[in-house]
């Protein structure tokens, strides 16, 4: 069981960067969590849990999230590779 916990921790920084990128893209688009939730046909609390790191996102959900923000996986990866973007 300890080995599994180590594998999860290994990706925690990457997951944090992904959450920051998603939040950045939403705010850059000037879209509230409520509006994004409406676009994704879900609840605002769902978006909040994703951005806070309480809930993880699967790949298909991630693609829909990005599409709703007029973004794509390449842009998100670029943002993740440039963490200084989030401090602007």
C-alpha atoms as a PDB file:
ATOM      1  CA  UNK A   1       0.000   0.000   0.000  1.00  0.00           C
ATOM      2  CA  UNK A   2       2.894   2.354   0.737  1.00  0.00           C
ATOM      3  CA  UNK A   3       4.145   2.024  -2.864  1.00  0.00           C
ATOM      4  CA  UNK A   4       0.761   3.155  -4.224  1.00  0.00           C
ATOM      5  CA  UNK A   5       0.826   6.259  -2.013  1.00  0.00           C
ATOM      6  CA  UNK A   6       4.279   7.140  -3.336  1.00  0.00           C
ATOM      7  CA  UNK A   7       3.039   6.892  -6.946  1.00  0.00           C
ATOM      8  CA  UNK A   8       0.202   9.320  -6.223  1.00  0.00           C
ATOM      9  CA  UNK A   9       2.566  11.801  -4.539  1.00  0.00           C
ATOM     10  CA  UNK A  10       4.902  11.589  -7.529  1.00  0.00           C
ATOM     11  CA  UNK A  11       2.316  13.273  -9.747  1.00  0.00           C
ATOM     12  CA  UNK A  12       0.905  15.724  -7.211  1.00  0.00           C
ATOM     13  CA  UNK A  13       2.949  18.695  -8.478  1.00  0.00           C
ATOM     14  CA  UNK A  14       1.899  17.980 -12.063  1.00  0.00           C
ATOM     15  CA  UNK A  15      -1.725  17.727 -11.022  1.00  0.00           C
ATOM     16  CA  UNK A  16      -1.432  21.007  -9.119  1.00  0.00           C
ATOM     17  CA  UNK A  17      -0.021  22.673 -12.251  1.00  0.00           C
ATOM     18  CA  UNK A  18      -2.895  21.281 -14.297  1.00  0.00           C
ATOM     19  CA  UNK A  19      -5.470  22.660 -11.838  1.00  0.00           C
ATOM     20  CA  UNK A  20      -3.743  26.041 -11.902  1.00  0.00           C
ATOM     21  CA  UNK A  21      -3.768  26.017 -15.705  1.00  0.00           C
ATOM     22  CA  UNK A  22      -7.482  25.177 -15.802  1.00  0.00           C
ATOM     23  CA  UNK A  23      -8.301  27.932 -13.331  1.00  0.00           C
ATOM     24  CA  UNK A  24      -6.116  30.387 -15.247  1.00  0.00           C
ATOM     25  CA  UNK A  25      -7.817  29.523 -18.545  1.00  0.00           C
ATOM     26  CA  UNK A  26     -11.269  29.961 -17.003  1.00  0.00           C
ATOM     27  CA  UNK A  27     -10.397  33.330 -15.496  1.00  0.00           C
ATOM     28  CA  UNK A  28      -8.651  34.464 -18.669  1.00  0.00           C
ATOM     29  CA  UNK A  29     -11.846  33.692 -20.567  1.00  0.00           C
ATOM     30  CA  UNK A  30     -13.720  35.768 -17.958  1.00  0.00           C
ATOM     31  CA  UNK A  31     -16.022  32.854 -17.237  1.00  0.00           C
ATOM     32  CA  UNK A  32     -17.342  32.151 -13.763  1.00  0.00           C
ATOM     33  CA  UNK A  33     -17.494  28.675 -12.310  1.00  0.00           C
ATOM     34  CA  UNK A  34     -21.285  28.886 -12.658  1.00  0.00           C
ATOM     35  CA  UNK A  35     -21.126  29.622 -16.393  1.00  0.00           C
ATOM     36  CA  UNK A  36     -18.525  26.907 -16.975  1.00  0.00           C
ATOM     37  CA  UNK A  37     -20.673  24.443 -15.053  1.00  0.00           C
ATOM     38  CA  UNK A  38     -23.649  25.337 -17.251  1.00  0.00           C
ATOM     39  CA  UNK A  39     -21.558  24.751 -20.370  1.00  0.00           C
ATOM     40  CA  UNK A  40     -20.475  21.357 -19.038  1.00  0.00           C
ATOM     41  CA  UNK A  41     -23.973  20.506 -17.795  1.00  0.00           C
ATOM     42  CA  UNK A  42     -22.822  20.042 -14.227  1.00  0.00           C
ATOM     43  CA  UNK A  43     -22.936  21.883 -10.900  1.00  0.00           C
ATOM     44  CA  UNK A  44     -20.742  24.817  -9.871  1.00  0.00           C
ATOM     45  CA  UNK A  45     -19.549  22.791  -6.882  1.00  0.00           C
ATOM     46  CA  UNK A  46     -18.134  20.224  -9.314  1.00  0.00           C
ATOM     47  CA  UNK A  47     -15.945  22.910 -10.942  1.00  0.00           C
ATOM     48  CA  UNK A  48     -14.916  24.206  -7.527  1.00  0.00           C
ATOM     49  CA  UNK A  49     -13.858  20.734  -6.359  1.00  0.00           C
ATOM     50  CA  UNK A  50     -11.754  20.290  -9.502  1.00  0.00           C
ATOM     51  CA  UNK A  51     -10.026  23.664  -9.066  1.00  0.00           C
ATOM     52  CA  UNK A  52      -9.365  22.993  -5.363  1.00  0.00           C
ATOM     53  CA  UNK A  53      -7.956  19.539  -6.055  1.00  0.00           C
ATOM     54  CA  UNK A  54     -10.674  17.723  -4.148  1.00  0.00           C
ATOM     55  CA  UNK A  55     -11.802  15.947  -7.306  1.00  0.00           C
ATOM     56  CA  UNK A  56      -9.643  14.612 -10.117  1.00  0.00           C
ATOM     57  CA  UNK A  57     -10.530  14.911 -13.793  1.00  0.00           C
ATOM     58  CA  UNK A  58     -10.455  12.066 -16.282  1.00  0.00           C
ATOM     59  CA  UNK A  59      -9.088  12.626 -19.781  1.00  0.00           C
ATOM     60  CA  UNK A  60     -12.403  12.913 -21.634  1.00  0.00           C
ATOM     61  CA  UNK A  61     -13.713  15.338 -19.015  1.00  0.00           C
ATOM     62  CA  UNK A  62     -10.511  17.364 -19.335  1.00  0.00           C
ATOM     63  CA  UNK A  63     -10.972  17.667 -23.090  1.00  0.00           C
ATOM     64  CA  UNK A  64     -14.574  18.863 -22.649  1.00  0.00           C
ATOM     65  CA  UNK A  65     -13.443  21.327 -19.964  1.00  0.00           C
ATOM     66  CA  UNK A  66     -10.809  22.783 -22.286  1.00  0.00           C
ATOM     67  CA  UNK A  67     -13.193  22.905 -25.251  1.00  0.00           C
ATOM     68  CA  UNK A  68     -15.689  24.835 -23.110  1.00  0.00           C
ATOM     69  CA  UNK A  69     -12.952  27.402 -22.504  1.00  0.00           C
ATOM     70  CA  UNK A  70     -12.018  27.609 -26.205  1.00  0.00           C
ATOM     71  CA  UNK A  71      -8.683  26.013 -25.351  1.00  0.00           C
ATOM     72  CA  UNK A  72      -6.953  22.716 -26.009  1.00  0.00           C
ATOM     73  CA  UNK A  73      -4.577  20.223 -24.471  1.00  0.00           C
ATOM     74  CA  UNK A  74      -1.523  21.774 -26.142  1.00  0.00           C
ATOM     75  CA  UNK A  75      -2.201  25.166 -24.582  1.00  0.00           C
ATOM     76  CA  UNK A  76      -2.755  23.614 -21.172  1.00  0.00           C
ATOM     77  CA  UNK A  77       0.536  21.713 -21.385  1.00  0.00           C
ATOM     78  CA  UNK A  78       2.341  24.885 -22.432  1.00  0.00           C
ATOM     79  CA  UNK A  79       0.907  26.672 -19.398  1.00  0.00           C
ATOM     80  CA  UNK A  80       1.906  23.813 -17.128  1.00  0.00           C
ATOM     81  CA  UNK A  81       5.472  24.115 -18.418  1.00  0.00           C
ATOM     82  CA  UNK A  82       5.453  27.866 -17.637  1.00  0.00           C
ATOM     83  CA  UNK A  83       4.233  28.207 -14.037  1.00  0.00           C
ATOM     84  CA  UNK A  84       5.157  31.910 -13.956  1.00  0.00           C
ATOM     85  CA  UNK A  85       2.071  32.496 -16.118  1.00  0.00           C
ATOM     86  CA  UNK A  86      -0.146  31.880 -13.083  1.00  0.00           C
ATOM     87  CA  UNK A  87       1.337  34.706 -11.057  1.00  0.00           C
ATOM     88  CA  UNK A  88       0.400  37.356 -13.612  1.00  0.00           C
END
